[in-house]
Amino acid sequence: MNLLRRTAIAHAVLFVLLAVLALVDDTQITGLNRWVKPMKFAASIAIYLGSMAFFWPVAVASGRAKDRAARVLAGTLIFEMLIIA
């Protein structure tokens, strides 16, 4: 299983964990549960990375360039999710 697919699955699992947190913790920020924004980001990142993983094999680039791009893409989105959560 490639890096993009594993990262997409990890974000989908994170979405479920954040949903459980939203059910347990009812703290509101401007009238909205504080876990809703990280949930939205986790879902959108999971969908984006899942789509990228699906189309990655047909990308026109060398294997080394695709590996490097996948590491940068996954790393930046993981970092973004850490900042948001």
N, C-alpha and C. Protein backbone atom coordinates (compact mmCIF):
# COMPACT_ATOMS: atom_id res chain seq x y z
N MET A 1 0.86 -1.18 0.00
CA MET A 1 0.00 0.00 0.00
C MET A 1 0.90 1.23 0.00
N ASN A 2 0.61 2.17 -0.88
CA ASN A 2 1.50 3.32 -0.99
C ASN A 2 1.22 4.37 0.09
N LEU A 3 2.13 5.33 0.15
CA LEU A 3 2.09 6.35 1.20
C LEU A 3 0.82 7.19 1.14
N LEU A 4 0.39 7.58 -0.05
CA LEU A 4 -0.81 8.41 -0.15
C LEU A 4 -2.05 7.67 0.34
N ARG A 5 -2.16 6.39 -0.01
CA ARG A 5 -3.31 5.61 0.43
C ARG A 5 -3.30 5.43 1.95
N ARG A 6 -2.13 5.14 2.52
CA ARG A 6 -2.05 4.98 3.98
C ARG A 6 -2.39 6.28 4.70
N THR A 7 -1.92 7.40 4.16
CA THR A 7 -2.21 8.70 4.78
C THR A 7 -3.70 9.03 4.66
N ALA A 8 -4.32 8.67 3.54
CA ALA A 8 -5.76 8.89 3.38
C ALA A 8 -6.55 8.06 4.38
N ILE A 9 -6.14 6.81 4.57
CA ILE A 9 -6.82 5.95 5.55
C ILE A 9 -6.64 6.49 6.96
N ALA A 10 -5.44 6.98 7.26
CA ALA A 10 -5.18 7.56 8.59
C ALA A 10 -6.07 8.77 8.84
N HIS A 11 -6.27 9.60 7.83
CA HIS A 11 -7.15 10.76 8.00
C HIS A 11 -8.61 10.35 8.12
N ALA A 12 -9.01 9.29 7.46
CA ALA A 12 -10.38 8.79 7.62
C ALA A 12 -10.60 8.27 9.04
N VAL A 13 -9.60 7.58 9.58
CA VAL A 13 -9.68 7.12 10.97
C VAL A 13 -9.70 8.30 11.92
N LEU A 14 -8.88 9.32 11.62
CA LEU A 14 -8.87 10.53 12.44
C LEU A 14 -10.23 11.20 12.43
N PHE A 15 -10.90 11.21 11.27
CA PHE A 15 -12.25 11.77 11.18
C PHE A 15 -13.20 11.07 12.15
N VAL A 16 -13.13 9.75 12.19
CA VAL A 16 -14.00 8.98 13.09
C VAL A 16 -13.68 9.31 14.54
N LEU A 17 -12.39 9.38 14.88
CA LEU A 17 -12.01 9.71 16.25
C LEU A 17 -12.47 11.11 16.65
N LEU A 18 -12.35 12.06 15.73
CA LEU A 18 -12.83 13.41 16.01
C LEU A 18 -14.35 13.45 16.14
N ALA A 19 -15.04 12.63 15.40
CA ALA A 19 -16.50 12.55 15.53
C ALA A 19 -16.89 12.04 16.91
N VAL A 20 -16.15 11.05 17.40
CA VAL A 20 -16.41 10.55 18.76
C VAL A 20 -16.13 11.64 19.78
N LEU A 21 -15.02 12.38 19.59
CA LEU A 21 -14.72 13.49 20.50
C LEU A 21 -15.83 14.54 20.46
N ALA A 22 -16.37 14.81 19.29
CA ALA A 22 -17.45 15.79 19.17
C ALA A 22 -18.69 15.34 19.93
N LEU A 23 -18.93 14.04 19.98
CA LEU A 23 -20.08 13.54 20.73
C LEU A 23 -19.86 13.63 22.23
N VAL A 24 -18.61 13.46 22.65
CA VAL A 24 -18.29 13.45 24.08
C VAL A 24 -18.12 14.87 24.63
N ASP A 25 -17.41 15.70 23.88
CA ASP A 25 -17.11 17.07 24.31
C ASP A 25 -18.05 18.03 23.62
N ASP A 26 -18.86 18.74 24.40
CA ASP A 26 -19.83 19.64 23.79
C ASP A 26 -19.41 21.11 23.89
N THR A 27 -18.13 21.38 23.99
CA THR A 27 -17.64 22.75 24.04
C THR A 27 -17.94 23.45 22.71
N GLN A 28 -18.49 24.64 22.81
CA GLN A 28 -18.88 25.39 21.62
C GLN A 28 -17.95 26.59 21.41
N ILE A 29 -17.61 26.84 20.16
CA ILE A 29 -16.87 28.04 19.78
C ILE A 29 -17.71 28.72 18.71
N THR A 30 -18.16 29.92 19.00
CA THR A 30 -19.08 30.69 18.16
C THR A 30 -20.28 29.85 17.71
N GLY A 31 -20.84 29.10 18.64
CA GLY A 31 -22.05 28.34 18.38
C GLY A 31 -21.87 27.03 17.65
N LEU A 32 -20.62 26.58 17.48
CA LEU A 32 -20.34 25.34 16.76
C LEU A 32 -19.39 24.50 17.59
N ASN A 33 -19.62 23.19 17.59
CA ASN A 33 -18.74 22.29 18.33
C ASN A 33 -17.31 22.48 17.86
N ARG A 34 -16.37 22.50 18.80
CA ARG A 34 -14.99 22.81 18.45
C ARG A 34 -14.30 21.73 17.63
N TRP A 35 -14.87 20.55 17.52
CA TRP A 35 -14.25 19.47 16.76
C TRP A 35 -14.76 19.39 15.33
N VAL A 36 -15.71 20.25 14.96
CA VAL A 36 -16.29 20.19 13.62
C VAL A 36 -15.27 20.61 12.55
N LYS A 37 -14.52 21.68 12.80
CA LYS A 37 -13.55 22.15 11.80
C LYS A 37 -12.46 21.11 11.55
N PRO A 38 -11.83 20.54 12.60
CA PRO A 38 -10.85 19.49 12.31
C PRO A 38 -11.47 18.27 11.62
N MET A 39 -12.75 17.98 11.93
CA MET A 39 -13.42 16.86 11.25
C MET A 39 -13.55 17.14 9.76
N LYS A 40 -13.93 18.36 9.40
CA LYS A 40 -14.07 18.72 7.99
C LYS A 40 -12.73 18.62 7.26
N PHE A 41 -11.69 19.10 7.89
CA PHE A 41 -10.37 19.04 7.27
C PHE A 41 -9.91 17.59 7.11
N ALA A 42 -10.12 16.76 8.13
CA ALA A 42 -9.72 15.36 8.05
C ALA A 42 -10.47 14.66 6.91
N ALA A 43 -11.76 14.93 6.78
CA ALA A 43 -12.54 14.32 5.71
C ALA A 43 -12.07 14.79 4.34
N SER A 44 -11.85 16.09 4.19
CA SER A 44 -11.44 16.60 2.88
C SER A 44 -10.04 16.12 2.50
N ILE A 45 -9.14 16.04 3.48
CA ILE A 45 -7.79 15.53 3.19
C ILE A 45 -7.85 14.05 2.83
N ALA A 46 -8.69 13.28 3.51
CA ALA A 46 -8.82 11.86 3.20
C ALA A 46 -9.35 11.67 1.78
N ILE A 47 -10.34 12.45 1.39
CA ILE A 47 -10.89 12.35 0.04
C ILE A 47 -9.85 12.78 -1.00
N TYR A 48 -9.15 13.87 -0.73
CA TYR A 48 -8.14 14.37 -1.65
C TYR A 48 -7.01 13.36 -1.84
N LEU A 49 -6.47 12.85 -0.72
CA LEU A 49 -5.37 11.89 -0.83
C LEU A 49 -5.82 10.56 -1.42
N GLY A 50 -7.04 10.16 -1.14
CA GLY A 50 -7.56 8.95 -1.76
C GLY A 50 -7.67 9.10 -3.27
N SER A 51 -8.12 10.26 -3.71
CA SER A 51 -8.20 10.53 -5.16
C SER A 51 -6.81 10.57 -5.78
N MET A 52 -5.88 11.21 -5.10
CA MET A 52 -4.51 11.27 -5.61
C MET A 52 -3.89 9.88 -5.68
N ALA A 53 -4.13 9.06 -4.67
CA ALA A 53 -3.59 7.69 -4.67
C ALA A 53 -4.18 6.88 -5.82
N PHE A 54 -5.44 7.11 -6.14
CA PHE A 54 -6.09 6.39 -7.23
C PHE A 54 -5.47 6.74 -8.58
N PHE A 55 -5.20 8.04 -8.79
CA PHE A 55 -4.67 8.49 -10.08
C PHE A 55 -3.15 8.50 -10.14
N TRP A 56 -2.48 8.27 -9.03
CA TRP A 56 -1.02 8.35 -8.96
C TRP A 56 -0.32 7.43 -9.96
N PRO A 57 -0.76 6.20 -10.15
CA PRO A 57 -0.04 5.31 -11.08
C PRO A 57 0.02 5.82 -12.52
N VAL A 58 -0.92 6.64 -12.94
CA VAL A 58 -0.91 7.12 -14.32
C VAL A 58 -0.23 8.48 -14.47
N ALA A 59 0.33 9.00 -13.38
CA ALA A 59 1.04 10.28 -13.45
C ALA A 59 2.28 10.11 -14.33
N VAL A 60 2.53 11.14 -15.14
CA VAL A 60 3.67 11.09 -16.06
C VAL A 60 4.88 11.69 -15.35
N ALA A 61 5.65 10.83 -14.70
CA ALA A 61 6.88 11.24 -14.03
C ALA A 61 7.66 9.98 -13.71
N SER A 62 8.92 10.17 -13.37
CA SER A 62 9.72 9.02 -13.00
C SER A 62 9.28 8.50 -11.63
N GLY A 63 9.61 7.26 -11.32
CA GLY A 63 9.23 6.68 -10.04
C GLY A 63 9.82 7.45 -8.87
N ARG A 64 11.05 7.90 -9.03
CA ARG A 64 11.71 8.66 -7.96
C ARG A 64 11.03 10.00 -7.72
N ALA A 65 10.66 10.68 -8.80
CA ALA A 65 9.98 11.98 -8.68
C ALA A 65 8.61 11.80 -8.04
N LYS A 66 7.89 10.74 -8.42
CA LYS A 66 6.57 10.49 -7.83
C LYS A 66 6.70 10.16 -6.34
N ASP A 67 7.73 9.39 -5.96
CA ASP A 67 7.94 9.08 -4.55
C ASP A 67 8.23 10.34 -3.75
N ARG A 68 9.08 11.19 -4.28
CA ARG A 68 9.41 12.44 -3.60
C ARG A 68 8.18 13.34 -3.48
N ALA A 69 7.42 13.45 -4.55
CA ALA A 69 6.21 14.28 -4.52
C ALA A 69 5.19 13.72 -3.53
N ALA A 70 5.06 12.40 -3.47
CA ALA A 70 4.12 11.79 -2.52
C ALA A 70 4.55 12.08 -1.09
N ARG A 71 5.85 12.00 -0.80
CA ARG A 71 6.32 12.30 0.55
C ARG A 71 6.06 13.75 0.94
N VAL A 72 6.31 14.66 0.00
CA VAL A 72 6.07 16.09 0.28
C VAL A 72 4.58 16.33 0.49
N LEU A 73 3.75 15.78 -0.37
CA LEU A 73 2.31 15.96 -0.28
C LEU A 73 1.76 15.41 1.03
N ALA A 74 2.11 14.18 1.36
CA ALA A 74 1.62 13.57 2.60
C ALA A 74 2.16 14.32 3.81
N GLY A 75 3.42 14.69 3.78
CA GLY A 75 4.02 15.39 4.92
C GLY A 75 3.38 16.74 5.19
N THR A 76 3.14 17.51 4.13
CA THR A 76 2.54 18.83 4.33
C THR A 76 1.09 18.73 4.83
N LEU A 77 0.35 17.74 4.34
CA LEU A 77 -1.03 17.60 4.79
C LEU A 77 -1.11 17.06 6.23
N ILE A 78 -0.18 16.21 6.61
CA ILE A 78 -0.12 15.76 8.00
C ILE A 78 0.22 16.94 8.90
N PHE A 79 1.19 17.76 8.49
CA PHE A 79 1.57 18.94 9.27
C PHE A 79 0.40 19.91 9.39
N GLU A 80 -0.33 20.11 8.30
CA GLU A 80 -1.50 20.99 8.33
C GLU A 80 -2.55 20.47 9.32
N MET A 81 -2.77 19.16 9.30
CA MET A 81 -3.78 18.58 10.19
C MET A 81 -3.34 18.70 11.65
N LEU A 82 -2.06 18.56 11.92
CA LEU A 82 -1.56 18.74 13.29
C LEU A 82 -1.80 20.16 13.78
N ILE A 83 -1.58 21.13 12.93
CA ILE A 83 -1.79 22.54 13.31
C ILE A 83 -3.28 22.79 13.56
N ILE A 84 -4.14 22.26 12.73
CA ILE A 84 -5.57 22.51 12.86
C ILE A 84 -6.15 21.81 14.09
N ALA A 85 -5.75 20.57 14.29
CA ALA A 85 -6.30 19.80 15.42
C ALA A 85 -5.70 20.29 16.72
